[in-house]
Amino acid sequence: MPSFVIEFNRRTRDRRVTEFNGPTSSRDAMRRRLELEHAGREKDVEIVALTSGSLKMLKKTHARYFTGRELISH
C-alpha cells in the first residue's frame, strides 16, 4: 500500500506530496518525514506521513491538505 509525505503550508495552503511504494513504503515515508522535520521548516509548514490505498483516496480522507497549489517535489 502506498504511503505519502505531505508538506503542507497552513498559511498559503500550498503542498508538496511525495509518494512511496513497495514493501517498506510506510517506513520510508516516516523516515522522510523525520528527515524533513530534523532539517527544520517554516513555522506554518506541517509535515505528515500517511498511508492510503491511493492518492485519490487520500484526497478524500484528508481533503484539507489538497485545497491549495501543488508544489514540485524535491
PDB file of N, CA and C in Angstrom:
ATOM      1  N   MET A   1       0.853  -1.174   0.000  1.00  0.00           N
ATOM      2  CA  MET A   1       0.000   0.000   0.000  1.00  0.00           C
ATOM      3  C   MET A   1       0.897   1.236   0.000  1.00  0.00           C
ATOM      4  N   PRO A   2       0.616   2.209  -0.853  1.00  0.00           N
ATOM      5  CA  PRO A   2       1.464   3.396  -0.910  1.00  0.00           C
ATOM      6  C   PRO A   2       1.357   4.260   0.350  1.00  0.00           C
ATOM      7  N   SER A   3       2.445   4.948   0.614  1.00  0.00           N
ATOM      8  CA  SER A   3       2.492   5.927   1.701  1.00  0.00           C
ATOM      9  C   SER A   3       2.906   7.260   1.103  1.00  0.00           C
ATOM     10  N   PHE A   4       2.568   8.322   1.800  1.00  0.00           N
ATOM     11  CA  PHE A   4       2.789   9.662   1.280  1.00  0.00           C
ATOM     12  C   PHE A   4       3.326  10.564   2.380  1.00  0.00           C
ATOM     13  N   VAL A   5       4.203  11.484   1.990  1.00  0.00           N
ATOM     14  CA  VAL A   5       4.620  12.562   2.880  1.00  0.00           C
ATOM     15  C   VAL A   5       4.053  13.838   2.283  1.00  0.00           C
ATOM     16  N   ILE A   6       3.331  14.572   3.101  1.00  0.00           N
ATOM     17  CA  ILE A   6       2.752  15.834   2.661  1.00  0.00           C
ATOM     18  C   ILE A   6       3.377  16.955   3.471  1.00  0.00           C
ATOM     19  N   GLU A   7       3.945  17.922   2.769  1.00  0.00           N
ATOM     20  CA  GLU A   7       4.443  19.153   3.383  1.00  0.00           C
ATOM     21  C   GLU A   7       3.374  20.202   3.076  1.00  0.00           C
ATOM     22  N   PHE A   8       2.676  20.644   4.092  1.00  0.00           N
ATOM     23  CA  PHE A   8       1.503  21.498   3.917  1.00  0.00           C
ATOM     24  C   PHE A   8       1.706  22.829   4.624  1.00  0.00           C
ATOM     25  N   ASN A   9       1.608  23.904   3.862  1.00  0.00           N
ATOM     26  CA  ASN A   9       1.725  25.241   4.429  1.00  0.00           C
ATOM     27  C   ASN A   9       0.330  25.691   4.858  1.00  0.00           C
ATOM     28  N   ARG A  10       0.120  25.795   6.163  1.00  0.00           N
ATOM     29  CA  ARG A  10      -1.204  26.153   6.687  1.00  0.00           C
ATOM     30  C   ARG A  10      -1.626  27.565   6.304  1.00  0.00           C
ATOM     31  N   ARG A  11      -0.668  28.444   6.069  1.00  0.00           N
ATOM     32  CA  ARG A  11      -0.993  29.831   5.734  1.00  0.00           C
ATOM     33  C   ARG A  11      -1.391  29.967   4.261  1.00  0.00           C
ATOM     34  N   THR A  12      -0.578  29.411   3.350  1.00  0.00           N
ATOM     35  CA  THR A  12      -0.839  29.559   1.913  1.00  0.00           C
ATOM     36  C   THR A  12      -1.670  28.421   1.330  1.00  0.00           C
ATOM     37  N   ARG A  13      -1.776  27.292   2.060  1.00  0.00           N
ATOM     38  CA  ARG A  13      -2.478  26.074   1.632  1.00  0.00           C
ATOM     39  C   ARG A  13      -1.708  25.312   0.551  1.00  0.00           C
ATOM     40  N   ASP A  14      -0.496  25.756   0.209  1.00  0.00           N
ATOM     41  CA  ASP A  14       0.325  25.048  -0.773  1.00  0.00           C
ATOM     42  C   ASP A  14       0.815  23.742  -0.176  1.00  0.00           C
ATOM     43  N   ARG A  15       1.102  22.785  -1.045  1.00  0.00           N
ATOM     44  CA  ARG A  15       1.537  21.482  -0.561  1.00  0.00           C
ATOM     45  C   ARG A  15       2.560  20.871  -1.507  1.00  0.00           C
ATOM     46  N   ARG A  16       3.329  19.964  -0.962  1.00  0.00           N
ATOM     47  CA  ARG A  16       4.249  19.132  -1.734  1.00  0.00           C
ATOM     48  C   ARG A  16       3.978  17.702  -1.284  1.00  0.00           C
ATOM     49  N   VAL A  17       3.690  16.819  -2.228  1.00  0.00           N
ATOM     50  CA  VAL A  17       3.366  15.429  -1.917  1.00  0.00           C
ATOM     51  C   VAL A  17       4.431  14.529  -2.516  1.00  0.00           C
ATOM     52  N   THR A  18       4.985  13.654  -1.691  1.00  0.00           N
ATOM     53  CA  THR A  18       5.948  12.654  -2.143  1.00  0.00           C
ATOM     54  C   THR A  18       5.350  11.283  -1.875  1.00  0.00           C
ATOM     55  N   GLU A  19       5.340  10.441  -2.907  1.00  0.00           N
ATOM     56  CA  GLU A  19       4.751   9.101  -2.786  1.00  0.00           C
ATOM     57  C   GLU A  19       5.843   8.050  -2.628  1.00  0.00           C
ATOM     58  N   PHE A  20       5.582   7.074  -1.778  1.00  0.00           N
ATOM     59  CA  PHE A  20       6.489   5.950  -1.539  1.00  0.00           C
ATOM     60  C   PHE A  20       5.727   4.661  -1.817  1.00  0.00           C
ATOM     61  N   ASN A  21       6.357   3.754  -2.559  1.00  0.00           N
ATOM     62  CA  ASN A  21       5.733   2.478  -2.898  1.00  0.00           C
ATOM     63  C   ASN A  21       6.638   1.330  -2.493  1.00  0.00           C
ATOM     64  N   GLY A  22       6.076   0.155  -2.435  1.00  0.00           N
ATOM     65  CA  GLY A  22       6.854  -1.036  -2.126  1.00  0.00           C
ATOM     66  C   GLY A  22       6.626  -1.505  -0.710  1.00  0.00           C
ATOM     67  N   PRO A  23       7.280  -2.615  -0.360  1.00  0.00           N
ATOM     68  CA  PRO A  23       7.039  -3.236   0.947  1.00  0.00           C
ATOM     69  C   PRO A  23       7.483  -2.387   2.137  1.00  0.00           C
ATOM     70  N   THR A  24       8.362  -1.418   1.916  1.00  0.00           N
ATOM     71  CA  THR A  24       8.832  -0.567   3.020  1.00  0.00           C
ATOM     72  C   THR A  24       8.296   0.858   2.903  1.00  0.00           C
ATOM     73  N   SER A  25       7.215   1.035   2.146  1.00  0.00           N
ATOM     74  CA  SER A  25       6.719   2.390   1.877  1.00  0.00           C
ATOM     75  C   SER A  25       6.368   3.164   3.145  1.00  0.00           C
ATOM     76  N   SER A  26       5.740   2.513   4.098  1.00  0.00           N
ATOM     77  CA  SER A  26       5.358   3.194   5.337  1.00  0.00           C
ATOM     78  C   SER A  26       6.591   3.644   6.110  1.00  0.00           C
ATOM     79  N   ARG A  27       7.552   2.770   6.233  1.00  0.00           N
ATOM     80  CA  ARG A  27       8.793   3.104   6.939  1.00  0.00           C
ATOM     81  C   ARG A  27       9.566   4.190   6.191  1.00  0.00           C
ATOM     82  N   ASP A  28       9.611   4.091   4.861  1.00  0.00           N
ATOM     83  CA  ASP A  28      10.321   5.092   4.063  1.00  0.00           C
ATOM     84  C   ASP A  28       9.678   6.469   4.194  1.00  0.00           C
ATOM     85  N   ALA A  29       8.356   6.510   4.200  1.00  0.00           N
ATOM     86  CA  ALA A  29       7.652   7.786   4.347  1.00  0.00           C
ATOM     87  C   ALA A  29       7.905   8.391   5.726  1.00  0.00           C
ATOM     88  N   MET A  30       7.866   7.563   6.753  1.00  0.00           N
ATOM     89  CA  MET A  30       8.117   8.064   8.106  1.00  0.00           C
ATOM     90  C   MET A  30       9.551   8.576   8.232  1.00  0.00           C
ATOM     91  N   ARG A  31      10.478   7.854   7.646  1.00  0.00           N
ATOM     92  CA  ARG A  31      11.878   8.291   7.674  1.00  0.00           C
ATOM     93  C   ARG A  31      12.028   9.654   6.998  1.00  0.00           C
ATOM     94  N   ARG A  32      11.368   9.828   5.846  1.00  0.00           N
ATOM     95  CA  ARG A  32      11.441  11.102   5.131  1.00  0.00           C
ATOM     96  C   ARG A  32      10.816  12.226   5.956  1.00  0.00           C
ATOM     97  N   ARG A  33       9.692  11.951   6.596  1.00  0.00           N
ATOM     98  CA  ARG A  33       9.055  12.971   7.447  1.00  0.00           C
ATOM     99  C   ARG A  33       9.998  13.415   8.550  1.00  0.00           C
ATOM    100  N   LEU A  34      10.639  12.451   9.190  1.00  0.00           N
ATOM    101  CA  LEU A  34      11.571  12.781  10.272  1.00  0.00           C
ATOM    102  C   LEU A  34      12.775  13.554   9.755  1.00  0.00           C
ATOM    103  N   GLU A  35      13.272  13.201   8.565  1.00  0.00           N
ATOM    104  CA  GLU A  35      14.381  13.946   7.962  1.00  0.00           C
ATOM    105  C   GLU A  35      13.989  15.400   7.727  1.00  0.00           C
ATOM    106  N   LEU A  36      12.802  15.611   7.184  1.00  0.00           N
ATOM    107  CA  LEU A  36      12.335  16.972   6.912  1.00  0.00           C
ATOM    108  C   LEU A  36      12.163  17.767   8.199  1.00  0.00           C
ATOM    109  N   GLU A  37      11.612  17.137   9.224  1.00  0.00           N
ATOM    110  CA  GLU A  37      11.438  17.830  10.500  1.00  0.00           C
ATOM    111  C   GLU A  37      12.783  18.161  11.135  1.00  0.00           C
ATOM    112  N   HIS A  38      13.728  17.243  11.031  1.00  0.00           N
ATOM    113  CA  HIS A  38      15.052  17.464  11.611  1.00  0.00           C
ATOM    114  C   HIS A  38      15.785  18.598  10.886  1.00  0.00           C
ATOM    115  N   ALA A  39      15.566  18.717   9.583  1.00  0.00           N
ATOM    116  CA  ALA A  39      16.223  19.753   8.781  1.00  0.00           C
ATOM    117  C   ALA A  39      15.672  21.139   9.091  1.00  0.00           C
ATOM    118  N   GLY A  40      14.541  21.185   9.767  1.00  0.00           N
ATOM    119  CA  GLY A  40      13.920  22.471  10.086  1.00  0.00           C
ATOM    120  C   GLY A  40      12.915  22.846   9.017  1.00  0.00           C
ATOM    121  N   ARG A  41      11.966  23.646   9.401  1.00  0.00           N
ATOM    122  CA  ARG A  41      10.924  24.063   8.468  1.00  0.00           C
ATOM    123  C   ARG A  41      10.345  25.386   8.940  1.00  0.00           C
ATOM    124  N   GLU A  42       9.585  25.990   8.047  1.00  0.00           N
ATOM    125  CA  GLU A  42       8.878  27.211   8.410  1.00  0.00           C
ATOM    126  C   GLU A  42       7.828  26.882   9.467  1.00  0.00           C
ATOM    127  N   LYS A  43       7.523  27.843  10.312  1.00  0.00           N
ATOM    128  CA  LYS A  43       6.570  27.582  11.396  1.00  0.00           C
ATOM    129  C   LYS A  43       5.179  27.240  10.891  1.00  0.00           C
ATOM    130  N   ASP A  44       4.821  27.673   9.683  1.00  0.00           N
ATOM    131  CA  ASP A  44       3.490  27.405   9.145  1.00  0.00           C
ATOM    132  C   ASP A  44       3.399  26.088   8.377  1.00  0.00           C
ATOM    133  N   VAL A  45       4.509  25.359   8.270  1.00  0.00           N
ATOM    134  CA  VAL A  45       4.516  24.124   7.485  1.00  0.00           C
ATOM    135  C   VAL A  45       4.314  22.917   8.389  1.00  0.00           C
ATOM    136  N   GLU A  46       3.323  22.130   8.036  1.00  0.00           N
ATOM    137  CA  GLU A  46       3.014  20.884   8.732  1.00  0.00           C
ATOM    138  C   GLU A  46       3.501  19.738   7.848  1.00  0.00           C
ATOM    139  N   ILE A  47       4.185  18.770   8.435  1.00  0.00           N
ATOM    140  CA  ILE A  47       4.682  17.616   7.688  1.00  0.00           C
ATOM    141  C   ILE A  47       4.024  16.370   8.252  1.00  0.00           C
ATOM    142  N   VAL A  48       3.363  15.608   7.369  1.00  0.00           N
ATOM    143  CA  VAL A  48       2.682  14.392   7.803  1.00  0.00           C
ATOM    144  C   VAL A  48       3.075  13.225   6.910  1.00  0.00           C
ATOM    145  N   ALA A  49       3.072  12.041   7.491  1.00  0.00           N
ATOM    146  CA  ALA A  49       3.257  10.796   6.744  1.00  0.00           C
ATOM    147  C   ALA A  49       1.959  10.013   6.869  1.00  0.00           C
ATOM    148  N   LEU A  50       1.392   9.634   5.739  1.00  0.00           N
ATOM    149  CA  LEU A  50       0.101   8.945   5.721  1.00  0.00           C
ATOM    150  C   LEU A  50       0.158   7.745   4.784  1.00  0.00           C
ATOM    151  N   THR A  51      -0.579   6.707   5.120  1.00  0.00           N
ATOM    152  CA  THR A  51      -0.698   5.535   4.267  1.00  0.00           C
ATOM    153  C   THR A  51      -2.135   5.447   3.790  1.00  0.00           C
ATOM    154  N   SER A  52      -2.304   5.186   2.498  1.00  0.00           N
ATOM    155  CA  SER A  52      -3.645   5.128   1.921  1.00  0.00           C
ATOM    156  C   SER A  52      -3.622   4.199   0.715  1.00  0.00           C
ATOM    157  N   GLY A  53      -4.783   3.698   0.336  1.00  0.00           N
ATOM    158  CA  GLY A  53      -4.880   2.824  -0.822  1.00  0.00           C
ATOM    159  C   GLY A  53      -4.474   3.497  -2.119  1.00  0.00           C
ATOM    160  N   SER A  54      -4.648   4.818  -2.182  1.00  0.00           N
ATOM    161  CA  SER A  54      -4.285   5.577  -3.379  1.00  0.00           C
ATOM    162  C   SER A  54      -4.268   7.066  -3.043  1.00  0.00           C
ATOM    163  N   LEU A  55      -3.659   7.834  -3.930  1.00  0.00           N
ATOM    164  CA  LEU A  55      -3.662   9.285  -3.751  1.00  0.00           C
ATOM    165  C   LEU A  55      -5.094   9.814  -3.851  1.00  0.00           C
ATOM    166  N   LYS A  56      -5.879   9.234  -4.732  1.00  0.00           N
ATOM    167  CA  LYS A  56      -7.280   9.650  -4.875  1.00  0.00           C
ATOM    168  C   LYS A  56      -8.039   9.469  -3.558  1.00  0.00           C
ATOM    169  N   MET A  57      -7.825   8.340  -2.906  1.00  0.00           N
ATOM    170  CA  MET A  57      -8.489   8.078  -1.627  1.00  0.00           C
ATOM    171  C   MET A  57      -7.985   9.048  -0.555  1.00  0.00           C
ATOM    172  N   LEU A  58      -6.695   9.312  -0.570  1.00  0.00           N
ATOM    173  CA  LEU A  58      -6.108  10.238   0.398  1.00  0.00           C
ATOM    174  C   LEU A  58      -6.705  11.635   0.234  1.00  0.00           C
ATOM    175  N   LYS A  59      -6.944  12.037  -1.005  1.00  0.00           N
ATOM    176  CA  LYS A  59      -7.546  13.349  -1.258  1.00  0.00           C
ATOM    177  C   LYS A  59      -8.956  13.444  -0.685  1.00  0.00           C
ATOM    178  N   LYS A  60      -9.640  12.313  -0.577  1.00  0.00           N
ATOM    179  CA  LYS A  60     -10.984  12.308   0.018  1.00  0.00           C
ATOM    180  C   LYS A  60     -10.915  12.296   1.542  1.00  0.00           C
ATOM    181  N   THR A  61     -10.036  11.459   2.093  1.00  0.00           N
ATOM    182  CA  THR A  61      -9.989  11.309   3.551  1.00  0.00           C
ATOM    183  C   THR A  61      -9.255  12.445   4.249  1.00  0.00           C
ATOM    184  N   HIS A  62      -8.354  13.122   3.543  1.00  0.00           N
ATOM    185  CA  HIS A  62      -7.579  14.218   4.127  1.00  0.00           C
ATOM    186  C   HIS A  62      -7.652  15.446   3.212  1.00  0.00           C
ATOM    187  N   ALA A  63      -8.861  15.813   2.846  1.00  0.00           N
ATOM    188  CA  ALA A  63      -9.102  16.862   1.854  1.00  0.00           C
ATOM    189  C   ALA A  63      -8.460  18.199   2.206  1.00  0.00           C
ATOM    190  N   ARG A  64      -8.304  18.503   3.467  1.00  0.00           N
ATOM    191  CA  ARG A  64      -7.757  19.820   3.845  1.00  0.00           C
ATOM    192  C   ARG A  64      -6.346  20.034   3.327  1.00  0.00           C
ATOM    193  N   TYR A  65      -5.606  18.942   3.093  1.00  0.00           N
ATOM    194  CA  TYR A  65      -4.248  19.065   2.567  1.00  0.00           C
ATOM    195  C   TYR A  65      -4.224  19.333   1.063  1.00  0.00           C
ATOM    196  N   PHE A  66      -5.365  19.324   0.405  1.00  0.00           N
ATOM    197  CA  PHE A  66      -5.408  19.429  -1.050  1.00  0.00           C
ATOM    198  C   PHE A  66      -6.233  20.616  -1.525  1.00  0.00           C
ATOM    199  N   THR A  67      -6.220  21.707  -0.760  1.00  0.00           N
ATOM    200  CA  THR A  67      -7.022  22.877  -1.107  1.00  0.00           C
ATOM    201  C   THR A  67      -6.232  23.954  -1.834  1.00  0.00           C
ATOM    202  N   GLY A  68      -4.918  23.914  -1.778  1.00  0.00           N
ATOM    203  CA  GLY A  68      -4.088  24.941  -2.415  1.00  0.00           C
ATOM    204  C   GLY A  68      -3.356  24.402  -3.623  1.00  0.00           C
ATOM    205  N   ARG A  69      -2.265  25.081  -3.952  1.00  0.00           N
ATOM    206  CA  ARG A  69      -1.451  24.679  -5.104  1.00  0.00           C
ATOM    207  C   ARG A  69      -0.537  23.518  -4.744  1.00  0.00           C
ATOM    208  N   GLU A  70      -0.257  22.692  -5.753  1.00  0.00           N
ATOM    209  CA  GLU A  70       0.719  21.622  -5.563  1.00  0.00           C
ATOM    210  C   GLU A  70       2.077  22.130  -6.026  1.00  0.00           C
ATOM    211  N   LEU A  71       3.059  22.012  -5.162  1.00  0.00           N
ATOM    212  CA  LEU A  71       4.412  22.433  -5.483  1.00  0.00           C
ATOM    213  C   LEU A  71       5.190  21.248  -6.039  1.00  0.00           C
ATOM    214  N   ILE A  72       6.215  21.522  -6.808  1.00  0.00           N
ATOM    215  CA  ILE A  72       7.045  20.468  -7.390  1.00  0.00           C
ATOM    216  C   ILE A  72       7.811  19.767  -6.281  1.00  0.00           C
ATOM    217  N   SER A  73       7.851  18.432  -6.352  1.00  0.00           N
ATOM    218  CA  SER A  73       8.577  17.648  -5.344  1.00  0.00           C
ATOM    219  C   SER A  73      10.068  17.900  -5.441  1.00  0.00           C
ATOM    220  N   HIS A  74      10.759  17.598  -4.348  1.00  0.00           N
ATOM    221  CA  HIS A  74      12.215  17.783  -4.273  1.00  0.00           C
ATOM    222  C   HIS A  74      12.906  16.908  -5.279  1.00  0.00           C
TER     223      HIS A  74
END
